Amino acid sequence: MLDISNPYLSDILFGKREGKKVKEKIMKILEIKEAS
């Protein structure tokens, strides 16, 4: 998944079980990518 750090990957994997939190994580990652 491109160059996302391991902590982010683990957060996404755990978040998949919660659904809503996963969307928040993805949105934050997208914002970080756009900012950099």
PDB file of N, CA and C in Angstrom:
ATOM      1  N   MET A   1       0.848  -1.202   0.000  1.00  0.00           N
ATOM      2  CA  MET A   1       0.000   0.000   0.000  1.00  0.00           C
ATOM      3  C   MET A   1       0.881   1.249   0.000  1.00  0.00           C
ATOM      4  N   LEU A   2       1.539   1.508  -1.116  1.00  0.00           N
ATOM      5  CA  LEU A   2       2.402   2.682  -1.233  1.00  0.00           C
ATOM      6  C   LEU A   2       3.369   2.748  -0.061  1.00  0.00           C
ATOM      7  N   ASP A   3       3.574   3.952   0.475  1.00  0.00           N
ATOM      8  CA  ASP A   3       4.550   4.080   1.563  1.00  0.00           C
ATOM      9  C   ASP A   3       3.874   4.506   2.859  1.00  0.00           C
ATOM     10  N   ILE A   4       2.927   3.684   3.303  1.00  0.00           N
ATOM     11  CA  ILE A   4       2.268   3.948   4.584  1.00  0.00           C
ATOM     12  C   ILE A   4       3.020   3.181   5.671  1.00  0.00           C
ATOM     13  N   SER A   5       3.307   3.858   6.779  1.00  0.00           N
ATOM     14  CA  SER A   5       4.076   3.221   7.846  1.00  0.00           C
ATOM     15  C   SER A   5       3.315   2.052   8.470  1.00  0.00           C
ATOM     16  N   ASN A   6       4.037   1.125   9.081  1.00  0.00           N
ATOM     17  CA  ASN A   6       3.410  -0.057   9.691  1.00  0.00           C
ATOM     18  C   ASN A   6       2.320   0.280  10.697  1.00  0.00           C
ATOM     19  N   PRO A   7       2.510   1.288  11.559  1.00  0.00           N
ATOM     20  CA  PRO A   7       1.451   1.646  12.521  1.00  0.00           C
ATOM     21  C   PRO A   7       0.143   1.959  11.812  1.00  0.00           C
ATOM     22  N   TYR A   8       0.226   2.669  10.671  1.00  0.00           N
ATOM     23  CA  TYR A   8      -0.996   2.994   9.937  1.00  0.00           C
ATOM     24  C   TYR A   8      -1.624   1.722   9.385  1.00  0.00           C
ATOM     25  N   LEU A   9      -0.804   0.824   8.842  1.00  0.00           N
ATOM     26  CA  LEU A   9      -1.332  -0.422   8.284  1.00  0.00           C
ATOM     27  C   LEU A   9      -2.047  -1.228   9.354  1.00  0.00           C
ATOM     28  N   SER A  10      -1.429  -1.349  10.531  1.00  0.00           N
ATOM     29  CA  SER A  10      -2.050  -2.129  11.610  1.00  0.00           C
ATOM     30  C   SER A  10      -3.338  -1.463  12.068  1.00  0.00           C
ATOM     31  N   ASP A  11      -3.341  -0.111  12.114  1.00  0.00           N
ATOM     32  CA  ASP A  11      -4.554   0.610  12.514  1.00  0.00           C
ATOM     33  C   ASP A  11      -5.677   0.319  11.529  1.00  0.00           C
ATOM     34  N   ILE A  12      -5.339   0.300  10.229  1.00  0.00           N
ATOM     35  CA  ILE A  12      -6.357   0.035   9.206  1.00  0.00           C
ATOM     36  C   ILE A  12      -6.878  -1.393   9.356  1.00  0.00           C
ATOM     37  N   LEU A  13      -5.964  -2.355   9.539  1.00  0.00           N
ATOM     38  CA  LEU A  13      -6.387  -3.753   9.654  1.00  0.00           C
ATOM     39  C   LEU A  13      -7.300  -3.943  10.855  1.00  0.00           C
ATOM     40  N   PHE A  14      -6.938  -3.337  11.987  1.00  0.00           N
ATOM     41  CA  PHE A  14      -7.789  -3.450  13.178  1.00  0.00           C
ATOM     42  C   PHE A  14      -9.083  -2.688  12.967  1.00  0.00           C
ATOM     43  N   GLY A  15      -8.990  -1.540  12.309  1.00  0.00           N
ATOM     44  CA  GLY A  15     -10.155  -0.694  12.083  1.00  0.00           C
ATOM     45  C   GLY A  15     -11.190  -1.351  11.188  1.00  0.00           C
ATOM     46  N   LYS A  16     -10.743  -2.245  10.281  1.00  0.00           N
ATOM     47  CA  LYS A  16     -11.690  -2.903   9.377  1.00  0.00           C
ATOM     48  C   LYS A  16     -12.806  -3.585  10.157  1.00  0.00           C
ATOM     49  N   ARG A  17     -12.502  -4.020  11.367  1.00  0.00           N
ATOM     50  CA  ARG A  17     -13.525  -4.696  12.179  1.00  0.00           C
ATOM     51  C   ARG A  17     -14.559  -3.701  12.687  1.00  0.00           C
ATOM     52  N   GLU A  18     -14.190  -2.417  12.726  1.00  0.00           N
ATOM     53  CA  GLU A  18     -15.095  -1.424  13.302  1.00  0.00           C
ATOM     54  C   GLU A  18     -15.834  -0.616  12.243  1.00  0.00           C
ATOM     55  N   GLY A  19     -15.355  -0.651  10.997  1.00  0.00           N
ATOM     56  CA  GLY A  19     -16.086  -0.013   9.900  1.00  0.00           C
ATOM     57  C   GLY A  19     -15.970   1.498   9.862  1.00  0.00           C
ATOM     58  N   LYS A  20     -16.642   2.172  10.787  1.00  0.00           N
ATOM     59  CA  LYS A  20     -16.644   3.643  10.767  1.00  0.00           C
ATOM     60  C   LYS A  20     -15.249   4.191  11.018  1.00  0.00           C
ATOM     61  N   LYS A  21     -14.538   3.609  11.971  1.00  0.00           N
ATOM     62  CA  LYS A  21     -13.196   4.109  12.285  1.00  0.00           C
ATOM     63  C   LYS A  21     -12.280   3.952  11.078  1.00  0.00           C
ATOM     64  N   VAL A  22     -12.497   2.907  10.285  1.00  0.00           N
ATOM     65  CA  VAL A  22     -11.661   2.698   9.103  1.00  0.00           C
ATOM     66  C   VAL A  22     -11.796   3.876   8.150  1.00  0.00           C
ATOM     67  N   LYS A  23     -13.023   4.351   7.963  1.00  0.00           N
ATOM     68  CA  LYS A  23     -13.220   5.506   7.071  1.00  0.00           C
ATOM     69  C   LYS A  23     -12.451   6.710   7.601  1.00  0.00           C
ATOM     70  N   GLU A  24     -12.481   6.909   8.926  1.00  0.00           N
ATOM     71  CA  GLU A  24     -11.764   8.044   9.512  1.00  0.00           C
ATOM     72  C   GLU A  24     -10.260   7.899   9.278  1.00  0.00           C
ATOM     73  N   LYS A  25      -9.750   6.693   9.438  1.00  0.00           N
ATOM     74  CA  LYS A  25      -8.320   6.457   9.227  1.00  0.00           C
ATOM     75  C   LYS A  25      -7.954   6.752   7.781  1.00  0.00           C
ATOM     76  N   ILE A  26      -8.758   6.231   6.851  1.00  0.00           N
ATOM     77  CA  ILE A  26      -8.476   6.429   5.428  1.00  0.00           C
ATOM     78  C   ILE A  26      -8.531   7.917   5.083  1.00  0.00           C
ATOM     79  N   MET A  27      -9.529   8.614   5.606  1.00  0.00           N
ATOM     80  CA  MET A  27      -9.645  10.048   5.330  1.00  0.00           C
ATOM     81  C   MET A  27      -8.403  10.782   5.825  1.00  0.00           C
ATOM     82  N   LYS A  28      -7.933  10.423   7.013  1.00  0.00           N
ATOM     83  CA  LYS A  28      -6.737  11.074   7.564  1.00  0.00           C
ATOM     84  C   LYS A  28      -5.528  10.776   6.687  1.00  0.00           C
ATOM     85  N   ILE A  29      -5.392   9.523   6.244  1.00  0.00           N
ATOM     86  CA  ILE A  29      -4.256   9.144   5.400  1.00  0.00           C
ATOM     87  C   ILE A  29      -4.307   9.920   4.089  1.00  0.00           C
ATOM     88  N   LEU A  30      -5.500  10.028   3.501  1.00  0.00           N
ATOM     89  CA  LEU A  30      -5.640  10.769   2.246  1.00  0.00           C
ATOM     90  C   LEU A  30      -5.269  12.228   2.455  1.00  0.00           C
ATOM     91  N   GLU A  31      -5.676  12.796   3.575  1.00  0.00           N
ATOM     92  CA  GLU A  31      -5.350  14.198   3.865  1.00  0.00           C
ATOM     93  C   GLU A  31      -3.840  14.369   3.994  1.00  0.00           C
ATOM     94  N   ILE A  32      -3.192  13.406   4.648  1.00  0.00           N
ATOM     95  CA  ILE A  32      -1.739  13.474   4.827  1.00  0.00           C
ATOM     96  C   ILE A  32      -1.049  13.379   3.467  1.00  0.00           C
ATOM     97  N   LYS A  33      -1.525  12.491   2.604  1.00  0.00           N
ATOM     98  CA  LYS A  33      -0.918  12.335   1.278  1.00  0.00           C
ATOM     99  C   LYS A  33      -1.082  13.615   0.470  1.00  0.00           C
ATOM    100  N   GLU A  34      -2.253  14.232   0.541  1.00  0.00           N
ATOM    101  CA  GLU A  34      -2.494  15.458  -0.219  1.00  0.00           C
ATOM    102  C   GLU A  34      -1.642  16.600   0.318  1.00  0.00           C
ATOM    103  N   ALA A  35      -1.420  16.603   1.625  1.00  0.00           N
ATOM    104  CA  ALA A  35      -0.652  17.684   2.245  1.00  0.00           C
ATOM    105  C   ALA A  35       0.830  17.578   1.890  1.00  0.00           C
ATOM    106  N   SER A  36       1.338  16.353   1.747  1.00  0.00           N
ATOM    107  CA  SER A  36       2.762  16.172   1.483  1.00  0.00           C
ATOM    108  C   SER A  36       3.116  16.215   0.008  1.00  0.00           C
TER     109      SER A  36
END
